[in-house]
Protein backbone atom coordinates (compact mmCIF):
# COMPACT_ATOMS: atom_id res chain seq x y z
CA MET A 1 22.41 -70.78 24.98
CA GLU A 2 22.56 -71.65 28.78
CA HIS A 3 26.27 -71.82 28.40
CA GLU A 4 26.65 -68.23 27.01
CA ALA A 5 24.26 -66.96 29.91
CA ARG A 6 26.70 -68.75 32.43
CA LYS A 7 29.71 -67.22 30.79
CA ALA A 8 27.91 -63.72 31.10
CA GLN A 9 27.10 -64.22 34.69
CA LEU A 10 30.69 -65.26 35.48
CA ARG A 11 32.12 -62.04 33.55
CA GLU A 12 29.79 -59.91 35.46
CA ALA A 13 30.55 -61.49 38.96
CA GLN A 14 34.40 -61.22 38.01
CA GLN A 15 33.94 -57.60 37.06
CA ARG A 16 32.14 -56.94 40.44
CA LEU A 17 34.82 -58.57 42.25
CA ALA A 18 37.34 -56.62 40.60
CA ASP A 19 35.44 -53.38 41.25
CA LYS A 20 35.04 -54.15 44.80
CA ARG A 21 38.82 -54.94 45.27
CA ARG A 22 39.62 -51.59 43.41
CA ALA A 23 37.38 -49.68 45.67
CA ASP A 24 38.82 -51.42 48.83
CA GLY A 25 42.29 -50.35 47.74
CA LEU A 26 41.32 -46.97 46.95
CA PHE A 27 39.72 -46.66 50.43
CA LYS A 28 42.74 -48.08 52.20
CA LEU A 29 44.96 -45.54 50.52
CA SER A 30 42.67 -42.56 51.47
CA VAL A 31 43.63 -40.59 54.43
CA TRP A 32 41.19 -38.03 56.29
CA VAL A 33 42.77 -35.47 58.17
CA THR A 34 41.17 -32.52 60.06
CA GLN A 35 41.73 -28.95 59.13
CA GLU A 36 43.90 -28.58 62.46
CA GLN A 37 45.93 -31.49 61.25
CA ALA A 38 46.42 -30.12 57.81
CA GLU A 39 47.50 -26.71 59.30
CA ARG A 40 50.02 -28.49 61.54
CA VAL A 41 51.48 -30.27 58.51
CA ARG A 42 51.79 -27.04 56.57
CA GLU A 43 53.55 -25.49 59.59
CA LEU A 44 55.95 -28.40 59.86
CA LEU A 45 56.71 -28.25 56.19
CA LYS A 46 57.63 -24.49 56.20
CA ASP A 47 60.48 -25.60 58.46
CA CYS A 48 61.90 -27.98 55.79
CA PRO A 49 62.39 -26.09 52.60
CA ARG A 50 63.78 -29.16 50.76
CA VAL A 51 60.43 -30.79 50.92
CA GLY A 52 59.12 -28.04 48.62
CA LEU A 53 55.37 -28.60 49.46
CA ALA A 54 54.59 -25.96 52.06
CA ASP A 55 52.79 -23.67 49.55
CA ASP A 56 50.87 -26.46 48.09
CA GLN A 57 47.19 -25.85 48.89
CA GLU A 58 46.21 -29.48 48.50
CA ILE A 59 48.05 -30.52 51.80
């Protein structure tokens, strides 16, 4: 019985670690920009039609 409890604790600890690593990775990938920076990016993209993202409101 104690062995099963330890296995369960280990699984929970591994899951918490995986969740933390996933969250850390997502945080590192996220980029926060100001509205002014976003407007500047839109302006720059309008000058480069090959990019094709100038009309994307997500930028």
